[in-house]
PDB file of N, CA and C in Angstrom:
ATOM      1  N   MET A   1     121.133 -11.887-167.873  1.00  0.00           N
ATOM      2  CA  MET A   1     120.350 -13.046-168.264  1.00  0.00           C
ATOM      3  C   MET A   1     119.138 -12.582-169.064  1.00  0.00           C
ATOM      4  N   ASN A   2     118.892 -13.213-170.194  1.00  0.00           N
ATOM      5  CA  ASN A   2     117.738 -12.910-171.025  1.00  0.00           C
ATOM      6  C   ASN A   2     116.535 -13.662-170.464  1.00  0.00           C
ATOM      7  N   HIS A   3     115.511 -12.940-170.038  1.00  0.00           N
ATOM      8  CA  HIS A   3     114.337 -13.554-169.438  1.00  0.00           C
ATOM      9  C   HIS A   3     113.220 -13.692-170.447  1.00  0.00           C
ATOM     10  N   GLU A   4     112.811 -14.933-170.694  1.00  0.00           N
ATOM     11  CA  GLU A   4     111.633 -15.199-171.503  1.00  0.00           C
ATOM     12  C   GLU A   4     110.425 -14.989-170.595  1.00  0.00           C
ATOM     13  N   THR A   5     109.392 -14.347-171.118  1.00  0.00           N
ATOM     14  CA  THR A   5     108.187 -14.099-170.330  1.00  0.00           C
ATOM     15  C   THR A   5     107.049 -14.994-170.816  1.00  0.00           C
ATOM     16  N   PHE A   6     105.997 -15.046-170.035  1.00  0.00           N
ATOM     17  CA  PHE A   6     104.809 -15.801-170.390  1.00  0.00           C
ATOM     18  C   PHE A   6     103.925 -14.982-171.324  1.00  0.00           C
ATOM     19  N   SER A   7     103.143 -15.657-172.157  1.00  0.00           N
ATOM     20  CA  SER A   7     102.062 -14.989-172.865  1.00  0.00           C
ATOM     21  C   SER A   7     100.932 -14.822-171.847  1.00  0.00           C
ATOM     22  N   ALA A   8      99.968 -13.973-172.148  1.00  0.00           N
ATOM     23  CA  ALA A   8      98.838 -13.786-171.242  1.00  0.00           C
ATOM     24  C   ALA A   8      98.108 -15.113-171.017  1.00  0.00           C
ATOM     25  N   LYS A   9      97.913 -15.878-172.075  1.00  0.00           N
ATOM     26  CA  LYS A   9      97.197 -17.156-171.984  1.00  0.00           C
ATOM     27  C   LYS A   9      97.957 -18.143-171.100  1.00  0.00           C
ATOM     28  N   GLU A  10      99.279 -18.235-171.284  1.00  0.00           N
ATOM     29  CA  GLU A  10     100.099 -19.134-170.460  1.00  0.00           C
ATOM     30  C   GLU A  10     100.013 -18.759-168.988  1.00  0.00           C
ATOM     31  N   ALA A  11     100.206 -17.472-168.703  1.00  0.00           N
ATOM     32  CA  ALA A  11     100.214 -17.001-167.314  1.00  0.00           C
ATOM     33  C   ALA A  11      98.849 -17.209-166.650  1.00  0.00           C
ATOM     34  N   LEU A  12      97.773 -16.853-167.345  1.00  0.00           N
ATOM     35  CA  LEU A  12      96.436 -17.017-166.774  1.00  0.00           C
ATOM     36  C   LEU A  12      96.110 -18.489-166.546  1.00  0.00           C
ATOM     37  N   GLY A  13      96.629 -19.363-167.402  1.00  0.00           N
ATOM     38  CA  GLY A  13      96.418 -20.797-167.240  1.00  0.00           C
ATOM     39  C   GLY A  13      97.107 -21.377-166.016  1.00  0.00           C
ATOM     40  N   LEU A  14      98.085 -20.672-165.480  1.00  0.00           N
ATOM     41  CA  LEU A  14      98.815 -21.140-164.294  1.00  0.00           C
ATOM     42  C   LEU A  14      98.203 -20.675-162.974  1.00  0.00           C
ATOM     43  N   LEU A  15      97.244 -19.733-163.022  1.00  0.00           N
ATOM     44  CA  LEU A  15      96.637 -19.239-161.782  1.00  0.00           C
ATOM     45  C   LEU A  15      96.093 -20.401-160.953  1.00  0.00           C
ATOM     46  N   GLY A  16      96.419 -20.407-159.682  1.00  0.00           N
ATOM     47  CA  GLY A  16      95.962 -21.441-158.765  1.00  0.00           C
ATOM     48  C   GLY A  16      96.839 -22.679-158.721  1.00  0.00           C
ATOM     49  N   THR A  17      97.833 -22.763-159.597  1.00  0.00           N
ATOM     50  CA  THR A  17      98.710 -23.927-159.646  1.00  0.00           C
ATOM     51  C   THR A  17      99.609 -23.984-158.410  1.00  0.00           C
ATOM     52  N   GLU A  18      99.701 -25.159-157.815  1.00  0.00           N
ATOM     53  CA  GLU A  18     100.610 -25.363-156.693  1.00  0.00           C
ATOM     54  C   GLU A  18     101.998 -25.658-157.238  1.00  0.00           C
ATOM     55  N   VAL A  19     103.007 -25.061-156.600  1.00  0.00           N
ATOM     56  CA  VAL A  19     104.397 -25.234-157.022  1.00  0.00           C
ATOM     57  C   VAL A  19     105.276 -25.464-155.800  1.00  0.00           C
ATOM     58  N   ARG A  20     106.510 -25.883-156.057  1.00  0.00           N
ATOM     59  CA  ARG A  20     107.528 -26.022-154.997  1.00  0.00           C
ATOM     60  C   ARG A  20     108.841 -25.494-155.540  1.00  0.00           C
ATOM     61  N   LEU A  21     109.638 -24.921-154.646  1.00  0.00           N
ATOM     62  CA  LEU A  21     110.972 -24.469-155.031  1.00  0.00           C
ATOM     63  C   LEU A  21     111.888 -25.668-155.224  1.00  0.00           C
ATOM     64  N   CYS A  22     112.634 -25.685-156.323  1.00  0.00           N
ATOM     65  CA  CYS A  22     113.608 -26.763-156.521  1.00  0.00           C
ATOM     66  C   CYS A  22     115.032 -26.247-156.329  1.00  0.00           C
ATOM     67  N   LEU A  23     115.192 -24.944-156.122  1.00  0.00           N
ATOM     68  CA  LEU A  23     116.461 -24.308-155.756  1.00  0.00           C
ATOM     69  C   LEU A  23     116.156 -23.252-154.707  1.00  0.00           C
ATOM     70  N   GLU A  24     117.101 -22.979-153.811  1.00  0.00           N
ATOM     71  CA  GLU A  24     116.899 -21.917-152.821  1.00  0.00           C
ATOM     72  C   GLU A  24     116.706 -20.574-153.516  1.00  0.00           C
ATOM     73  N   ARG A  25     115.815 -19.757-152.971  1.00  0.00           N
ATOM     74  CA  ARG A  25     115.587 -18.422-153.520  1.00  0.00           C
ATOM     75  C   ARG A  25     114.937 -17.566-152.448  1.00  0.00           C
ATOM     76  N   GLU A  26     115.339 -16.321-152.395  1.00  0.00           N
ATOM     77  CA  GLU A  26     114.763 -15.342-151.475  1.00  0.00           C
ATOM     78  C   GLU A  26     114.793 -15.835-150.024  1.00  0.00           C
ATOM     79  N   GLY A  27     115.823 -16.607-149.673  1.00  0.00           N
ATOM     80  CA  GLY A  27     115.961 -17.097-148.307  1.00  0.00           C
ATOM     81  C   GLY A  27     115.045 -18.254-147.968  1.00  0.00           C
ATOM     82  N   LEU A  28     114.317 -18.774-148.946  1.00  0.00           N
ATOM     83  CA  LEU A  28     113.421 -19.903-148.711  1.00  0.00           C
ATOM     84  C   LEU A  28     114.121 -21.201-149.130  1.00  0.00           C
ATOM     85  N   PRO A  29     113.935 -22.265-148.359  1.00  0.00           N
ATOM     86  CA  PRO A  29     114.625 -23.527-148.663  1.00  0.00           C
ATOM     87  C   PRO A  29     113.996 -24.293-149.824  1.00  0.00           C
ATOM     88  N   ILE A  30     114.771 -25.194-150.385  1.00  0.00           N
ATOM     89  CA  ILE A  30     114.273 -26.110-151.412  1.00  0.00           C
ATOM     90  C   ILE A  30     113.060 -26.843-150.865  1.00  0.00           C
ATOM     91  N   GLY A  31     112.044 -26.988-151.698  1.00  0.00           N
ATOM     92  CA  GLY A  31     110.834 -27.705-151.300  1.00  0.00           C
ATOM     93  C   GLY A  31     109.738 -26.831-150.739  1.00  0.00           C
ATOM     94  N   THR A  32     110.005 -25.536-150.540  1.00  0.00           N
ATOM     95  CA  THR A  32     108.976 -24.645-150.014  1.00  0.00           C
ATOM     96  C   THR A  32     107.780 -24.637-150.961  1.00  0.00           C
ATOM     97  N   PRO A  33     106.564 -24.895-150.430  1.00  0.00           N
ATOM     98  CA  PRO A  33     105.383 -24.899-151.276  1.00  0.00           C
ATOM     99  C   PRO A  33     104.820 -23.498-151.475  1.00  0.00           C
ATOM    100  N   GLY A  34     104.142 -23.337-152.587  1.00  0.00           N
ATOM    101  CA  GLY A  34     103.485 -22.073-152.875  1.00  0.00           C
ATOM    102  C   GLY A  34     102.379 -22.280-153.888  1.00  0.00           C
ATOM    103  N   ARG A  35     101.676 -21.202-154.190  1.00  0.00           N
ATOM    104  CA  ARG A  35     100.572 -21.237-155.151  1.00  0.00           C
ATOM    105  C   ARG A  35     100.650 -19.976-156.004  1.00  0.00           C
ATOM    106  N   ILE A  36     100.423 -20.138-157.298  1.00  0.00           N
ATOM    107  CA  ILE A  36     100.418 -18.978-158.193  1.00  0.00           C
ATOM    108  C   ILE A  36      99.115 -18.231-157.973  1.00  0.00           C
ATOM    109  N   VAL A  37      99.249 -16.965-157.545  1.00  0.00           N
ATOM    110  CA  VAL A  37      98.090 -16.191-157.118  1.00  0.00           C
ATOM    111  C   VAL A  37      97.820 -14.951-157.968  1.00  0.00           C
ATOM    112  N   GLN A  38      98.752 -14.602-158.841  1.00  0.00           N
ATOM    113  CA  GLN A  38      98.583 -13.360-159.593  1.00  0.00           C
ATOM    114  C   GLN A  38      99.387 -13.398-160.884  1.00  0.00           C
ATOM    115  N   VAL A  39      98.861 -12.732-161.894  1.00  0.00           N
ATOM    116  CA  VAL A  39      99.569 -12.528-163.156  1.00  0.00           C
ATOM    117  C   VAL A  39      99.934 -11.058-163.219  1.00  0.00           C
ATOM    118  N   ARG A  40     101.185 -10.782-163.556  1.00  0.00           N
ATOM    119  CA  ARG A  40     101.646  -9.388-163.612  1.00  0.00           C
ATOM    120  C   ARG A  40     102.183  -9.076-165.000  1.00  0.00           C
ATOM    121  N   ARG A  41     101.727  -7.979-165.560  1.00  0.00           N
ATOM    122  CA  ARG A  41     102.219  -7.543-166.866  1.00  0.00           C
ATOM    123  C   ARG A  41     103.493  -6.739-166.673  1.00  0.00           C
ATOM    124  N   GLY A  42     104.473  -7.002-167.493  1.00  0.00           N
ATOM    125  CA  GLY A  42     105.725  -6.245-167.426  1.00  0.00           C
ATOM    126  C   GLY A  42     106.635  -6.753-166.350  1.00  0.00           C
ATOM    127  N   GLY A  43     106.497  -6.235-165.166  1.00  0.00           N
ATOM    128  CA  GLY A  43     107.372  -6.638-164.065  1.00  0.00           C
ATOM    129  C   GLY A  43     108.813  -6.278-164.358  1.00  0.00           C
ATOM    130  N   GLN A  44     109.722  -7.141-163.978  1.00  0.00           N
ATOM    131  CA  GLN A  44     111.144  -6.858-164.136  1.00  0.00           C
ATOM    132  C   GLN A  44     111.587  -6.834-165.592  1.00  0.00           C
ATOM    133  N   CYS A  45     110.797  -7.389-166.494  1.00  0.00           N
ATOM    134  CA  CYS A  45     111.193  -7.446-167.906  1.00  0.00           C
ATOM    135  C   CYS A  45     110.568  -6.349-168.751  1.00  0.00           C
ATOM    136  N   LYS A  46     109.577  -5.675-168.231  1.00  0.00           N
ATOM    137  CA  LYS A  46     108.902  -4.570-168.913  1.00  0.00           C
ATOM    138  C   LYS A  46     108.080  -4.988-170.127  1.00  0.00           C
ATOM    139  N   SER A  47     108.017  -6.272-170.412  1.00  0.00           N
ATOM    140  CA  SER A  47     107.165  -6.755-171.503  1.00  0.00           C
ATOM    141  C   SER A  47     106.734  -8.172-171.180  1.00  0.00           C
ATOM    142  N   GLY A  48     105.662  -8.618-171.784  1.00  0.00           N
ATOM    143  CA  GLY A  48     105.164  -9.949-171.496  1.00  0.00           C
ATOM    144  C   GLY A  48     104.565 -10.028-170.103  1.00  0.00           C
ATOM    145  N   PHE A  49     104.460 -11.247-169.596  1.00  0.00           N
ATOM    146  CA  PHE A  49     103.808 -11.470-168.309  1.00  0.00           C
ATOM    147  C   PHE A  49     104.688 -12.332-167.407  1.00  0.00           C
ATOM    148  N   ALA A  50     104.542 -12.110-166.109  1.00  0.00           N
ATOM    149  CA  ALA A  50     105.195 -12.914-165.074  1.00  0.00           C
ATOM    150  C   ALA A  50     104.095 -13.402-164.138  1.00  0.00           C
ATOM    151  N   VAL A  51     104.406 -14.377-163.306  1.00  0.00           N
ATOM    152  CA  VAL A  51     103.441 -14.872-162.323  1.00  0.00           C
ATOM    153  C   VAL A  51     103.981 -14.617-160.924  1.00  0.00           C
ATOM    154  N   ALA A  52     103.057 -14.400-159.988  1.00  0.00           N
ATOM    155  CA  ALA A  52     103.423 -14.190-158.587  1.00  0.00           C
ATOM    156  C   ALA A  52     103.034 -15.425-157.791  1.00  0.00           C
ATOM    157  N   VAL A  53     103.985 -15.906-156.983  1.00  0.00           N
ATOM    158  CA  VAL A  53     103.767 -17.071-156.126  1.00  0.00           C
ATOM    159  C   VAL A  53     103.645 -16.602-154.684  1.00  0.00           C
ATOM    160  N   GLN A  54     102.572 -17.032-154.017  1.00  0.00           N
ATOM    161  CA  GLN A  54     102.410 -16.808-152.578  1.00  0.00           C
ATOM    162  C   GLN A  54     103.001 -18.017-151.880  1.00  0.00           C
ATOM    163  N   TRP A  55     104.090 -17.800-151.118  1.00  0.00           N
ATOM    164  CA  TRP A  55     104.768 -18.901-150.442  1.00  0.00           C
ATOM    165  C   TRP A  55     104.010 -19.300-149.192  1.00  0.00           C
ATOM    166  N   GLN A  56     103.944 -20.583-148.924  1.00  0.00           N
ATOM    167  CA  GLN A  56     103.288 -21.120-147.735  1.00  0.00           C
ATOM    168  C   GLN A  56     104.385 -21.526-146.748  1.00  0.00           C
ATOM    169  N   SER A  57     105.057 -20.528-146.224  1.00  0.00           N
ATOM    170  CA  SER A  57     106.184 -20.735-145.325  1.00  0.00           C
ATOM    171  C   SER A  57     105.759 -20.430-143.902  1.00  0.00           C
ATOM    172  N   SER A  58     106.193 -21.266-142.965  1.00  0.00           N
ATOM    173  CA  SER A  58     105.834 -21.041-141.563  1.00  0.00           C
ATOM    174  C   SER A  58     106.559 -19.839-140.977  1.00  0.00           C
ATOM    175  N   CYS A  59     107.682 -19.456-141.588  1.00  0.00           N
ATOM    176  CA  CYS A  59     108.477 -18.371-141.010  1.00  0.00           C
ATOM    177  C   CYS A  59     108.004 -16.982-141.466  1.00  0.00           C
ATOM    178  N   ARG A  60     107.364 -16.887-142.634  1.00  0.00           N
ATOM    179  CA  ARG A  60     106.903 -15.574-143.094  1.00  0.00           C
ATOM    180  C   ARG A  60     105.984 -15.720-144.300  1.00  0.00           C
ATOM    181  N   GLN A  61     105.120 -14.727-144.480  1.00  0.00           N
ATOM    182  CA  GLN A  61     104.239 -14.663-145.646  1.00  0.00           C
ATOM    183  C   GLN A  61     104.901 -13.758-146.669  1.00  0.00           C
ATOM    184  N   THR A  62     105.170 -14.279-147.841  1.00  0.00           N
ATOM    185  CA  THR A  62     105.832 -13.483-148.857  1.00  0.00           C
ATOM    186  C   THR A  62     105.425 -13.965-150.239  1.00  0.00           C
ATOM    187  N   GLN A  63     105.604 -13.090-151.214  1.00  0.00           N
ATOM    188  CA  GLN A  63     105.360 -13.437-152.601  1.00  0.00           C
ATOM    189  C   GLN A  63     106.650 -13.295-153.385  1.00  0.00           C
ATOM    190  N   GLY A  64     106.755 -14.071-154.450  1.00  0.00           N
ATOM    191  CA  GLY A  64     107.879 -13.960-155.364  1.00  0.00           C
ATOM    192  C   GLY A  64     107.347 -13.868-156.782  1.00  0.00           C
ATOM    193  N   GLU A  65     108.041 -13.108-157.624  1.00  0.00           N
ATOM    194  CA  GLU A  65     107.644 -12.958-159.026  1.00  0.00           C
ATOM    195  C   GLU A  65     108.590 -13.773-159.905  1.00  0.00           C
ATOM    196  N   PHE A  66     108.019 -14.462-160.894  1.00  0.00           N
ATOM    197  CA  PHE A  66     108.797 -15.333-161.761  1.00  0.00           C
ATOM    198  C   PHE A  66     108.461 -15.108-163.226  1.00  0.00           C
ATOM    199  N   THR A  67     109.482 -14.899-164.020  1.00  0.00           N
ATOM    200  CA  THR A  67     109.318 -14.902-165.470  1.00  0.00           C
ATOM    201  C   THR A  67     109.248 -16.367-165.904  1.00  0.00           C
ATOM    202  N   LYS A  68     109.007 -16.612-167.158  1.00  0.00           N
ATOM    203  CA  LYS A  68     108.963 -17.985-167.662  1.00  0.00           C
ATOM    204  C   LYS A  68     110.327 -18.667-167.486  1.00  0.00           C
ATOM    205  N   THR A  69     111.396 -17.926-167.748  1.00  0.00           N
ATOM    206  CA  THR A  69     112.751 -18.458-167.573  1.00  0.00           C
ATOM    207  C   THR A  69     112.990 -18.860-166.122  1.00  0.00           C
ATOM    208  N   GLU A  70     112.627 -17.990-165.191  1.00  0.00           N
ATOM    209  CA  GLU A  70     112.817 -18.275-163.764  1.00  0.00           C
ATOM    210  C   GLU A  70     111.921 -19.423-163.300  1.00  0.00           C
ATOM    211  N   PHE A  71     110.704 -19.469-163.817  1.00  0.00           N
ATOM    212  CA  PHE A  71     109.775 -20.545-163.480  1.00  0.00           C
ATOM    213  C   PHE A  71     110.416 -21.895-163.803  1.00  0.00           C
ATOM    214  N   LYS A  72     110.980 -22.018-164.993  1.00  0.00           N
ATOM    215  CA  LYS A  72     111.613 -23.268-165.427  1.00  0.00           C
ATOM    216  C   LYS A  72     112.827 -23.617-164.563  1.00  0.00           C
ATOM    217  N   ARG A  73     113.528 -22.606-164.087  1.00  0.00           N
ATOM    218  CA  ARG A  73     114.748 -22.826-163.307  1.00  0.00           C
ATOM    219  C   ARG A  73     114.477 -23.120-161.834  1.00  0.00           C
ATOM    220  N   PHE A  74     113.544 -22.397-161.228  1.00  0.00           N
ATOM    221  CA  PHE A  74     113.369 -22.454-159.776  1.00  0.00           C
ATOM    222  C   PHE A  74     112.179 -23.257-159.276  1.00  0.00           C
ATOM    223  N   LEU A  75     111.191 -23.540-160.132  1.00  0.00           N
ATOM    224  CA  LEU A  75     109.956 -24.151-159.647  1.00  0.00           C
ATOM    225  C   LEU A  75     109.669 -25.493-160.291  1.00  0.00           C
ATOM    226  N   ILE A  76     108.989 -26.340-159.540  1.00  0.00           N
ATOM    227  CA  ILE A  76     108.437 -27.569-160.076  1.00  0.00           C
ATOM    228  C   ILE A  76     106.959 -27.612-159.734  1.00  0.00           C
ATOM    229  N   VAL A  77     106.183 -28.264-160.561  1.00  0.00           N
ATOM    230  CA  VAL A  77     104.771 -28.477-160.301  1.00  0.00           C
ATOM    231  C   VAL A  77     104.640 -29.928-159.851  1.00  0.00           C
ATOM    232  N   PRO A  78     104.312 -30.145-158.570  1.00  0.00           N
ATOM    233  CA  PRO A  78     104.215 -31.519-158.068  1.00  0.00           C
ATOM    234  C   PRO A  78     103.124 -32.301-158.803  1.00  0.00           C
ATOM    235  N   LEU A  79     103.365 -33.587-158.960  1.00  0.00           N
ATOM    236  CA  LEU A  79     102.356 -34.450-159.563  1.00  0.00           C
ATOM    237  C   LEU A  79     101.178 -34.591-158.612  1.00  0.00           C
ATOM    238  N   SER A  80      99.994 -34.674-159.157  1.00  0.00           N
ATOM    239  CA  SER A  80      98.793 -34.849-158.361  1.00  0.00           C
ATOM    240  C   SER A  80      98.829 -36.214-157.699  1.00  0.00           C
ATOM    241  N   THR A  81      98.403 -36.277-156.448  1.00  0.00           N
ATOM    242  CA  THR A  81      98.379 -37.542-155.718  1.00  0.00           C
ATOM    243  C   THR A  81      96.944 -37.996-155.493  1.00  0.00           C
ATOM    244  N   ALA A  82      96.065 -37.628-156.420  1.00  0.00           N
ATOM    245  CA  ALA A  82      94.638 -37.957-156.281  1.00  0.00           C
ATOM    246  C   ALA A  82      94.362 -39.430-156.368  1.00  0.00           C
TER     247      ALA A  82
END
């Protein structure tokens, strides 16, 4: 799979964003909430930027790394309920 990565500006703009899984991944169920907590250069693609999500799961504390391609496939950004 060809992974599109984030630009530095895109990735930094996502820091602190709340997300939810829309497909199962890493043993976590659909709907698991998380927050983007880190920007990583390179990562699995060796170029561009990826974001790290800290999952808010009752069963375990874990992080997942997402390229732009994976972000579009696995995550949704919930609408604000303000």
